[in-house]
């Protein structure tokens, strides 16, 4: 009711960096490992 978000806070991700890695030929697993997520 007070607008408090329950649970773990949402982690912010730099999608531009992820897309750049994917565009350079990295797979999803490889890109995630580089980004540490």
ModelCIF file with pLDDT and N, C-alpha, C, O atoms, coordinates in Angstrom:
data_MODEL
#
_entry.id   MODEL 
#
_entity.id                         1 
_entity.type                       polymer 
_entity.pdbx_number_of_molecules   1 
#
_entity_poly.entity_id                      1 
_entity_poly.type                           'polypeptide(L)' 
_entity_poly.nstd_linkage                   no 
_entity_poly.nstd_monomer                   no 
_entity_poly.pdbx_seq_one_letter_code       
;(UNK)(UNK)(UNK)(UNK)(UNK)(UNK)(UNK)(UNK)(UNK)(UNK)(UNK)(UNK)(UNK)(UNK)(UNK)(UNK)
(UNK)(UNK)(UNK)(UNK)(UNK)(UNK)(UNK)(UNK)(UNK)(UNK)(UNK)(UNK)(UNK)(UNK)(UNK)(UNK)
(UNK)(UNK)(UNK)(UNK)(UNK)
;
_entity_poly.pdbx_seq_one_letter_code_can   XXXXXXXXXXXXXXXXXXXXXXXXXXXXXXXXXXXXX 
_entity_poly.pdbx_strand_id                 A 
#
loop_
_entity_poly_seq.entity_id 
_entity_poly_seq.num 
_entity_poly_seq.mon_id 
_entity_poly_seq.hetero 
1 1  UNK n 
1 2  UNK n 
1 3  UNK n 
1 4  UNK n 
1 5  UNK n 
1 6  UNK n 
1 7  UNK n 
1 8  UNK n 
1 9  UNK n 
1 10 UNK n 
1 11 UNK n 
1 12 UNK n 
1 13 UNK n 
1 14 UNK n 
1 15 UNK n 
1 16 UNK n 
1 17 UNK n 
1 18 UNK n 
1 19 UNK n 
1 20 UNK n 
1 21 UNK n 
1 22 UNK n 
1 23 UNK n 
1 24 UNK n 
1 25 UNK n 
1 26 UNK n 
1 27 UNK n 
1 28 UNK n 
1 29 UNK n 
1 30 UNK n 
1 31 UNK n 
1 32 UNK n 
1 33 UNK n 
1 34 UNK n 
1 35 UNK n 
1 36 UNK n 
1 37 UNK n 
#
_struct_asym.id          A 
_struct_asym.entity_id   1 
#
loop_
_ma_qa_metric.id 
_ma_qa_metric.mode 
_ma_qa_metric.name 
_ma_qa_metric.software_group_id 
_ma_qa_metric.type 
1 global pLDDT . pLDDT 
2 local  pLDDT . pLDDT 
#
_ma_qa_metric_global.metric_id      1 
_ma_qa_metric_global.metric_value   81.27 
_ma_qa_metric_global.model_id       1 
_ma_qa_metric_global.ordinal_id     1 
#
loop_
_ma_qa_metric_local.label_asym_id 
_ma_qa_metric_local.label_comp_id 
_ma_qa_metric_local.label_seq_id 
_ma_qa_metric_local.metric_id 
_ma_qa_metric_local.metric_value 
_ma_qa_metric_local.model_id 
_ma_qa_metric_local.ordinal_id 
A UNK 1  2 78.00 1 1  
A UNK 2  2 78.00 1 2  
A UNK 3  2 75.00 1 3  
A UNK 4  2 73.00 1 4  
A UNK 5  2 64.00 1 5  
A UNK 6  2 67.00 1 6  
A UNK 7  2 65.00 1 7  
A UNK 8  2 67.00 1 8  
A UNK 9  2 69.00 1 9  
A UNK 10 2 70.00 1 10 
A UNK 11 2 73.00 1 11 
A UNK 12 2 75.00 1 12 
A UNK 13 2 79.00 1 13 
A UNK 14 2 78.00 1 14 
A UNK 15 2 84.00 1 15 
A UNK 16 2 86.00 1 16 
A UNK 17 2 85.00 1 17 
A UNK 18 2 86.00 1 18 
A UNK 19 2 88.00 1 19 
A UNK 20 2 87.00 1 20 
A UNK 21 2 86.00 1 21 
A UNK 22 2 87.00 1 22 
A UNK 23 2 87.00 1 23 
A UNK 24 2 87.00 1 24 
A UNK 25 2 85.00 1 25 
A UNK 26 2 87.00 1 26 
A UNK 27 2 87.00 1 27 
A UNK 28 2 87.00 1 28 
A UNK 29 2 89.00 1 29 
A UNK 30 2 88.00 1 30 
A UNK 31 2 87.00 1 31 
A UNK 32 2 88.00 1 32 
A UNK 33 2 88.00 1 33 
A UNK 34 2 88.00 1 34 
A UNK 35 2 86.00 1 35 
A UNK 36 2 86.00 1 36 
A UNK 37 2 87.00 1 37 
#
loop_
_atom_site.group_PDB 
_atom_site.id 
_atom_site.type_symbol 
_atom_site.label_atom_id 
_atom_site.label_alt_id 
_atom_site.label_comp_id 
_atom_site.label_asym_id 
_atom_site.label_entity_id 
_atom_site.label_seq_id 
_atom_site.pdbx_PDB_ins_code 
_atom_site.Cartn_x 
_atom_site.Cartn_y 
_atom_site.Cartn_z 
_atom_site.occupancy 
_atom_site.B_iso_or_equiv 
_atom_site.pdbx_formal_charge 
_atom_site.auth_seq_id 
_atom_site.auth_comp_id 
_atom_site.auth_asym_id 
_atom_site.auth_atom_id 
_atom_site.pdbx_PDB_model_num 
ATOM 1   N N  . UNK A 1 1  ? 0.816  -1.210  0.000   1.00 78.00 ? 1  UNK A N  1 
ATOM 2   C CA . UNK A 1 1  ? 0.000  0.000   0.000   1.00 78.00 ? 1  UNK A CA 1 
ATOM 3   C C  . UNK A 1 1  ? 0.852  1.263   0.000   1.00 78.00 ? 1  UNK A C  1 
ATOM 4   O O  . UNK A 1 1  ? 0.444  2.299   -0.526  1.00 78.00 ? 1  UNK A O  1 
ATOM 5   N N  . UNK A 1 2  ? 2.043  1.168   0.596   1.00 78.00 ? 2  UNK A N  1 
ATOM 6   C CA . UNK A 1 2  ? 2.957  2.320   0.651   1.00 78.00 ? 2  UNK A CA 1 
ATOM 7   C C  . UNK A 1 2  ? 3.852  2.406   -0.579  1.00 78.00 ? 2  UNK A C  1 
ATOM 8   O O  . UNK A 1 2  ? 4.697  3.296   -0.679  1.00 78.00 ? 2  UNK A O  1 
ATOM 9   N N  . UNK A 1 3  ? 3.663  1.482   -1.508  1.00 75.00 ? 3  UNK A N  1 
ATOM 10  C CA . UNK A 1 3  ? 4.457  1.517   -2.733  1.00 75.00 ? 3  UNK A CA 1 
ATOM 11  C C  . UNK A 1 3  ? 5.840  0.916   -2.586  1.00 75.00 ? 3  UNK A C  1 
ATOM 12  O O  . UNK A 1 3  ? 6.697  1.116   -3.447  1.00 75.00 ? 3  UNK A O  1 
ATOM 13  N N  . UNK A 1 4  ? 6.069  0.186   -1.513  1.00 73.00 ? 4  UNK A N  1 
ATOM 14  C CA . UNK A 1 4  ? 7.374  -0.438  -1.294  1.00 73.00 ? 4  UNK A CA 1 
ATOM 15  C C  . UNK A 1 4  ? 7.469  -1.678  -2.169  1.00 73.00 ? 4  UNK A C  1 
ATOM 16  O O  . UNK A 1 4  ? 6.587  -2.536  -2.147  1.00 73.00 ? 4  UNK A O  1 
ATOM 17  N N  . UNK A 1 5  ? 8.554  -1.766  -2.945  1.00 64.00 ? 5  UNK A N  1 
ATOM 18  C CA . UNK A 1 5  ? 8.767  -2.912  -3.822  1.00 64.00 ? 5  UNK A CA 1 
ATOM 19  C C  . UNK A 1 5  ? 9.351  -4.046  -2.998  1.00 64.00 ? 5  UNK A C  1 
ATOM 20  O O  . UNK A 1 5  ? 10.398 -3.896  -2.368  1.00 64.00 ? 5  UNK A O  1 
ATOM 21  N N  . UNK A 1 6  ? 8.668  -5.176  -3.008  1.00 67.00 ? 6  UNK A N  1 
ATOM 22  C CA . UNK A 1 6  ? 9.110  -6.336  -2.235  1.00 67.00 ? 6  UNK A CA 1 
ATOM 23  C C  . UNK A 1 6  ? 10.039 -7.207  -3.063  1.00 67.00 ? 6  UNK A C  1 
ATOM 24  O O  . UNK A 1 6  ? 10.019 -7.168  -4.293  1.00 67.00 ? 6  UNK A O  1 
ATOM 25  N N  . UNK A 1 7  ? 10.836 -7.977  -2.386  1.00 65.00 ? 7  UNK A N  1 
ATOM 26  C CA . UNK A 1 7  ? 11.774 -8.869  -3.063  1.00 65.00 ? 7  UNK A CA 1 
ATOM 27  C C  . UNK A 1 7  ? 13.090 -8.178  -3.365  1.00 65.00 ? 7  UNK A C  1 
ATOM 28  O O  . UNK A 1 7  ? 13.310 -7.030  -2.979  1.00 65.00 ? 7  UNK A O  1 
ATOM 29  N N  . UNK A 1 8  ? 13.950 -8.888  -4.053  1.00 67.00 ? 8  UNK A N  1 
ATOM 30  C CA . UNK A 1 8  ? 15.270 -8.338  -4.373  1.00 67.00 ? 8  UNK A CA 1 
ATOM 31  C C  . UNK A 1 8  ? 15.146 -7.204  -5.396  1.00 67.00 ? 8  UNK A C  1 
ATOM 32  O O  . UNK A 1 8  ? 14.315 -7.273  -6.302  1.00 67.00 ? 8  UNK A O  1 
ATOM 33  N N  . UNK A 1 9  ? 15.966 -6.169  -5.254  1.00 69.00 ? 9  UNK A N  1 
ATOM 34  C CA . UNK A 1 9  ? 15.889 -5.065  -6.216  1.00 69.00 ? 9  UNK A CA 1 
ATOM 35  C C  . UNK A 1 9  ? 16.252 -5.521  -7.624  1.00 69.00 ? 9  UNK A C  1 
ATOM 36  O O  . UNK A 1 9  ? 17.104 -6.393  -7.803  1.00 69.00 ? 9  UNK A O  1 
ATOM 37  N N  . UNK A 1 10 ? 15.599 -4.925  -8.623  1.00 70.00 ? 10 UNK A N  1 
ATOM 38  C CA . UNK A 1 10 ? 15.848 -5.273  -10.018 1.00 70.00 ? 10 UNK A CA 1 
ATOM 39  C C  . UNK A 1 10 ? 17.236 -4.807  -10.414 1.00 70.00 ? 10 UNK A C  1 
ATOM 40  O O  . UNK A 1 10 ? 17.604 -3.654  -10.190 1.00 70.00 ? 10 UNK A O  1 
ATOM 41  N N  . UNK A 1 11 ? 17.996 -5.704  -10.999 1.00 73.00 ? 11 UNK A N  1 
ATOM 42  C CA . UNK A 1 11 ? 19.371 -5.391  -11.391 1.00 73.00 ? 11 UNK A CA 1 
ATOM 43  C C  . UNK A 1 11 ? 19.378 -4.654  -12.713 1.00 73.00 ? 11 UNK A C  1 
ATOM 44  O O  . UNK A 1 11 ? 18.762 -5.092  -13.684 1.00 73.00 ? 11 UNK A O  1 
ATOM 45  N N  . UNK A 1 12 ? 20.082 -3.529  -12.745 1.00 75.00 ? 12 UNK A N  1 
ATOM 46  C CA . UNK A 1 12 ? 20.186 -2.747  -13.977 1.00 75.00 ? 12 UNK A CA 1 
ATOM 47  C C  . UNK A 1 12 ? 21.237 -3.369  -14.894 1.00 75.00 ? 12 UNK A C  1 
ATOM 48  O O  . UNK A 1 12 ? 22.316 -3.763  -14.451 1.00 75.00 ? 12 UNK A O  1 
ATOM 49  N N  . UNK A 1 13 ? 20.902 -3.447  -16.161 1.00 79.00 ? 13 UNK A N  1 
ATOM 50  C CA . UNK A 1 13 ? 21.813 -4.050  -17.144 1.00 79.00 ? 13 UNK A CA 1 
ATOM 51  C C  . UNK A 1 13 ? 22.011 -3.085  -18.308 1.00 79.00 ? 13 UNK A C  1 
ATOM 52  O O  . UNK A 1 13 ? 21.066 -2.447  -18.771 1.00 79.00 ? 13 UNK A O  1 
ATOM 53  N N  . UNK A 1 14 ? 23.250 -2.990  -18.773 1.00 78.00 ? 14 UNK A N  1 
ATOM 54  C CA . UNK A 1 14 ? 23.564 -2.153  -19.930 1.00 78.00 ? 14 UNK A CA 1 
ATOM 55  C C  . UNK A 1 14 ? 23.252 -2.945  -21.198 1.00 78.00 ? 14 UNK A C  1 
ATOM 56  O O  . UNK A 1 14 ? 24.102 -3.665  -21.721 1.00 78.00 ? 14 UNK A O  1 
ATOM 57  N N  . UNK A 1 15 ? 22.017 -2.800  -21.681 1.00 84.00 ? 15 UNK A N  1 
ATOM 58  C CA . UNK A 1 15 ? 21.625 -3.566  -22.858 1.00 84.00 ? 15 UNK A CA 1 
ATOM 59  C C  . UNK A 1 15 ? 22.386 -3.157  -24.108 1.00 84.00 ? 15 UNK A C  1 
ATOM 60  O O  . UNK A 1 15 ? 22.584 -3.970  -25.011 1.00 84.00 ? 15 UNK A O  1 
ATOM 61  N N  . UNK A 1 16 ? 22.822 -1.874  -24.166 1.00 86.00 ? 16 UNK A N  1 
ATOM 62  C CA . UNK A 1 16 ? 23.597 -1.444  -25.337 1.00 86.00 ? 16 UNK A CA 1 
ATOM 63  C C  . UNK A 1 16 ? 24.894 -2.226  -25.430 1.00 86.00 ? 16 UNK A C  1 
ATOM 64  O O  . UNK A 1 16 ? 25.312 -2.643  -26.510 1.00 86.00 ? 16 UNK A O  1 
ATOM 65  N N  . UNK A 1 17 ? 25.531 -2.419  -24.267 1.00 85.00 ? 17 UNK A N  1 
ATOM 66  C CA . UNK A 1 17 ? 26.759 -3.204  -24.257 1.00 85.00 ? 17 UNK A CA 1 
ATOM 67  C C  . UNK A 1 17 ? 26.504 -4.652  -24.627 1.00 85.00 ? 17 UNK A C  1 
ATOM 68  O O  . UNK A 1 17 ? 27.298 -5.274  -25.332 1.00 85.00 ? 17 UNK A O  1 
ATOM 69  N N  . UNK A 1 18 ? 25.364 -5.194  -24.134 1.00 86.00 ? 18 UNK A N  1 
ATOM 70  C CA . UNK A 1 18 ? 25.025 -6.583  -24.456 1.00 86.00 ? 18 UNK A CA 1 
ATOM 71  C C  . UNK A 1 18 ? 24.766 -6.739  -25.947 1.00 86.00 ? 18 UNK A C  1 
ATOM 72  O O  . UNK A 1 18 ? 25.228 -7.698  -26.566 1.00 86.00 ? 18 UNK A O  1 
ATOM 73  N N  . UNK A 1 19 ? 24.025 -5.793  -26.525 1.00 88.00 ? 19 UNK A N  1 
ATOM 74  C CA . UNK A 1 19 ? 23.727 -5.852  -27.962 1.00 88.00 ? 19 UNK A CA 1 
ATOM 75  C C  . UNK A 1 19 ? 24.993 -5.724  -28.791 1.00 88.00 ? 19 UNK A C  1 
ATOM 76  O O  . UNK A 1 19 ? 25.136 -6.369  -29.830 1.00 88.00 ? 19 UNK A O  1 
ATOM 77  N N  . UNK A 1 20 ? 25.914 -4.881  -28.323 1.00 87.00 ? 20 UNK A N  1 
ATOM 78  C CA . UNK A 1 20 ? 27.180 -4.709  -29.044 1.00 87.00 ? 20 UNK A CA 1 
ATOM 79  C C  . UNK A 1 20 ? 27.963 -6.016  -29.055 1.00 87.00 ? 20 UNK A C  1 
ATOM 80  O O  . UNK A 1 20 ? 28.540 -6.395  -30.075 1.00 87.00 ? 20 UNK A O  1 
ATOM 81  N N  . UNK A 1 21 ? 27.979 -6.694  -27.927 1.00 86.00 ? 21 UNK A N  1 
ATOM 82  C CA . UNK A 1 21 ? 28.676 -7.980  -27.862 1.00 86.00 ? 21 UNK A CA 1 
ATOM 83  C C  . UNK A 1 21 ? 28.029 -9.004  -28.780 1.00 86.00 ? 21 UNK A C  1 
ATOM 84  O O  . UNK A 1 21 ? 28.718 -9.752  -29.474 1.00 86.00 ? 21 UNK A O  1 
ATOM 85  N N  . UNK A 1 22 ? 26.700 -9.033  -28.779 1.00 87.00 ? 22 UNK A N  1 
ATOM 86  C CA . UNK A 1 22 ? 25.989 -9.965  -29.657 1.00 87.00 ? 22 UNK A CA 1 
ATOM 87  C C  . UNK A 1 22 ? 26.261 -9.653  -31.119 1.00 87.00 ? 22 UNK A C  1 
ATOM 88  O O  . UNK A 1 22 ? 26.423 -10.559 -31.937 1.00 87.00 ? 22 UNK A O  1 
ATOM 89  N N  . UNK A 1 23 ? 26.312 -8.349  -31.449 1.00 87.00 ? 23 UNK A N  1 
ATOM 90  C CA . UNK A 1 23 ? 26.569 -7.951  -32.830 1.00 87.00 ? 23 UNK A CA 1 
ATOM 91  C C  . UNK A 1 23 ? 27.986 -8.301  -33.263 1.00 87.00 ? 23 UNK A C  1 
ATOM 92  O O  . UNK A 1 23 ? 28.250 -8.477  -34.452 1.00 87.00 ? 23 UNK A O  1 
ATOM 93  N N  . UNK A 1 24 ? 28.896 -8.400  -32.301 1.00 87.00 ? 24 UNK A N  1 
ATOM 94  C CA . UNK A 1 24 ? 30.280 -8.756  -32.634 1.00 87.00 ? 24 UNK A CA 1 
ATOM 95  C C  . UNK A 1 24 ? 30.474 -10.268 -32.717 1.00 87.00 ? 24 UNK A C  1 
ATOM 96  O O  . UNK A 1 24 ? 31.588 -10.748 -32.927 1.00 87.00 ? 24 UNK A O  1 
ATOM 97  N N  . UNK A 1 25 ? 29.372 -11.019 -32.550 1.00 85.00 ? 25 UNK A N  1 
ATOM 98  C CA . UNK A 1 25 ? 29.464 -12.459 -32.742 1.00 85.00 ? 25 UNK A CA 1 
ATOM 99  C C  . UNK A 1 25 ? 29.447 -13.289 -31.478 1.00 85.00 ? 25 UNK A C  1 
ATOM 100 O O  . UNK A 1 25 ? 29.527 -14.516 -31.541 1.00 85.00 ? 25 UNK A O  1 
ATOM 101 N N  . UNK A 1 26 ? 29.342 -12.640 -30.333 1.00 87.00 ? 26 UNK A N  1 
ATOM 102 C CA . UNK A 1 26 ? 29.277 -13.409 -29.091 1.00 87.00 ? 26 UNK A CA 1 
ATOM 103 C C  . UNK A 1 26 ? 27.904 -14.049 -28.949 1.00 87.00 ? 26 UNK A C  1 
ATOM 104 O O  . UNK A 1 26 ? 26.890 -13.455 -29.315 1.00 87.00 ? 26 UNK A O  1 
ATOM 105 N N  . UNK A 1 27 ? 27.881 -15.271 -28.412 1.00 87.00 ? 27 UNK A N  1 
ATOM 106 C CA . UNK A 1 27 ? 26.618 -15.915 -28.090 1.00 87.00 ? 27 UNK A CA 1 
ATOM 107 C C  . UNK A 1 27 ? 26.064 -15.335 -26.798 1.00 87.00 ? 27 UNK A C  1 
ATOM 108 O O  . UNK A 1 27 ? 26.724 -14.545 -26.124 1.00 87.00 ? 27 UNK A O  1 
ATOM 109 N N  . UNK A 1 28 ? 24.858 -15.733 -26.466 1.00 87.00 ? 28 UNK A N  1 
ATOM 110 C CA . UNK A 1 28 ? 24.208 -15.219 -25.262 1.00 87.00 ? 28 UNK A CA 1 
ATOM 111 C C  . UNK A 1 28 ? 25.010 -15.577 -24.009 1.00 87.00 ? 28 UNK A C  1 
ATOM 112 O O  . UNK A 1 28 ? 25.188 -14.747 -23.118 1.00 87.00 ? 28 UNK A O  1 
ATOM 113 N N  . UNK A 1 29 ? 25.488 -16.813 -23.953 1.00 89.00 ? 29 UNK A N  1 
ATOM 114 C CA . UNK A 1 29 ? 26.253 -17.265 -22.788 1.00 89.00 ? 29 UNK A CA 1 
ATOM 115 C C  . UNK A 1 29 ? 27.551 -16.486 -22.648 1.00 89.00 ? 29 UNK A C  1 
ATOM 116 O O  . UNK A 1 29 ? 27.924 -16.070 -21.551 1.00 89.00 ? 29 UNK A O  1 
ATOM 117 N N  . UNK A 1 30 ? 28.228 -16.294 -23.761 1.00 88.00 ? 30 UNK A N  1 
ATOM 118 C CA . UNK A 1 30 ? 29.496 -15.562 -23.742 1.00 88.00 ? 30 UNK A CA 1 
ATOM 119 C C  . UNK A 1 30 ? 29.282 -14.105 -23.347 1.00 88.00 ? 30 UNK A C  1 
ATOM 120 O O  . UNK A 1 30 ? 30.057 -13.564 -22.558 1.00 88.00 ? 30 UNK A O  1 
ATOM 121 N N  . UNK A 1 31 ? 28.239 -13.456 -23.883 1.00 87.00 ? 31 UNK A N  1 
ATOM 122 C CA . UNK A 1 31 ? 27.963 -12.057 -23.568 1.00 87.00 ? 31 UNK A CA 1 
ATOM 123 C C  . UNK A 1 31 ? 27.619 -11.897 -22.088 1.00 87.00 ? 31 UNK A C  1 
ATOM 124 O O  . UNK A 1 31 ? 28.075 -10.961 -21.431 1.00 87.00 ? 31 UNK A O  1 
ATOM 125 N N  . UNK A 1 32 ? 26.816 -12.814 -21.578 1.00 88.00 ? 32 UNK A N  1 
ATOM 126 C CA . UNK A 1 32 ? 26.441 -12.747 -20.163 1.00 88.00 ? 32 UNK A CA 1 
ATOM 127 C C  . UNK A 1 32 ? 27.664 -12.904 -19.268 1.00 88.00 ? 32 UNK A C  1 
ATOM 128 O O  . UNK A 1 32 ? 27.781 -12.230 -18.244 1.00 88.00 ? 32 UNK A O  1 
ATOM 129 N N  . UNK A 1 33 ? 28.575 -13.792 -19.656 1.00 88.00 ? 33 UNK A N  1 
ATOM 130 C CA . UNK A 1 33 ? 29.784 -14.006 -18.855 1.00 88.00 ? 33 UNK A CA 1 
ATOM 131 C C  . UNK A 1 33 ? 30.652 -12.764 -18.839 1.00 88.00 ? 33 UNK A C  1 
ATOM 132 O O  . UNK A 1 33 ? 31.191 -12.395 -17.795 1.00 88.00 ? 33 UNK A O  1 
ATOM 133 N N  . UNK A 1 34 ? 30.792 -12.118 -19.980 1.00 88.00 ? 34 UNK A N  1 
ATOM 134 C CA . UNK A 1 34 ? 31.600 -10.893 -20.068 1.00 88.00 ? 34 UNK A CA 1 
ATOM 135 C C  . UNK A 1 34 ? 30.985 -9.781  -19.210 1.00 88.00 ? 34 UNK A C  1 
ATOM 136 O O  . UNK A 1 34 ? 31.700 -9.034  -18.542 1.00 88.00 ? 34 UNK A O  1 
ATOM 137 N N  . UNK A 1 35 ? 29.665 -9.684  -19.239 1.00 86.00 ? 35 UNK A N  1 
ATOM 138 C CA . UNK A 1 35 ? 28.963 -8.647  -18.468 1.00 86.00 ? 35 UNK A CA 1 
ATOM 139 C C  . UNK A 1 35 ? 28.851 -8.997  -16.986 1.00 86.00 ? 35 UNK A C  1 
ATOM 140 O O  . UNK A 1 35 ? 28.514 -8.143  -16.167 1.00 86.00 ? 35 UNK A O  1 
ATOM 141 N N  . UNK A 1 36 ? 29.136 -10.266 -16.642 1.00 86.00 ? 36 UNK A N  1 
ATOM 142 C CA . UNK A 1 36 ? 29.070 -10.681 -15.243 1.00 86.00 ? 36 UNK A CA 1 
ATOM 143 C C  . UNK A 1 36 ? 27.663 -10.819 -14.718 1.00 86.00 ? 36 UNK A C  1 
ATOM 144 O O  . UNK A 1 36 ? 27.386 -10.497 -13.562 1.00 86.00 ? 36 UNK A O  1 
ATOM 145 N N  . UNK A 1 37 ? 26.769 -11.300 -15.573 1.00 87.00 ? 37 UNK A N  1 
ATOM 146 C CA . UNK A 1 37 ? 25.376 -11.475 -15.166 1.00 87.00 ? 37 UNK A CA 1 
ATOM 147 C C  . UNK A 1 37 ? 24.911 -12.868 -15.577 1.00 87.00 ? 37 UNK A C  1 
ATOM 148 O O  . UNK A 1 37 ? 23.761 -13.232 -15.331 1.00 87.00 ? 37 UNK A O  1 
#
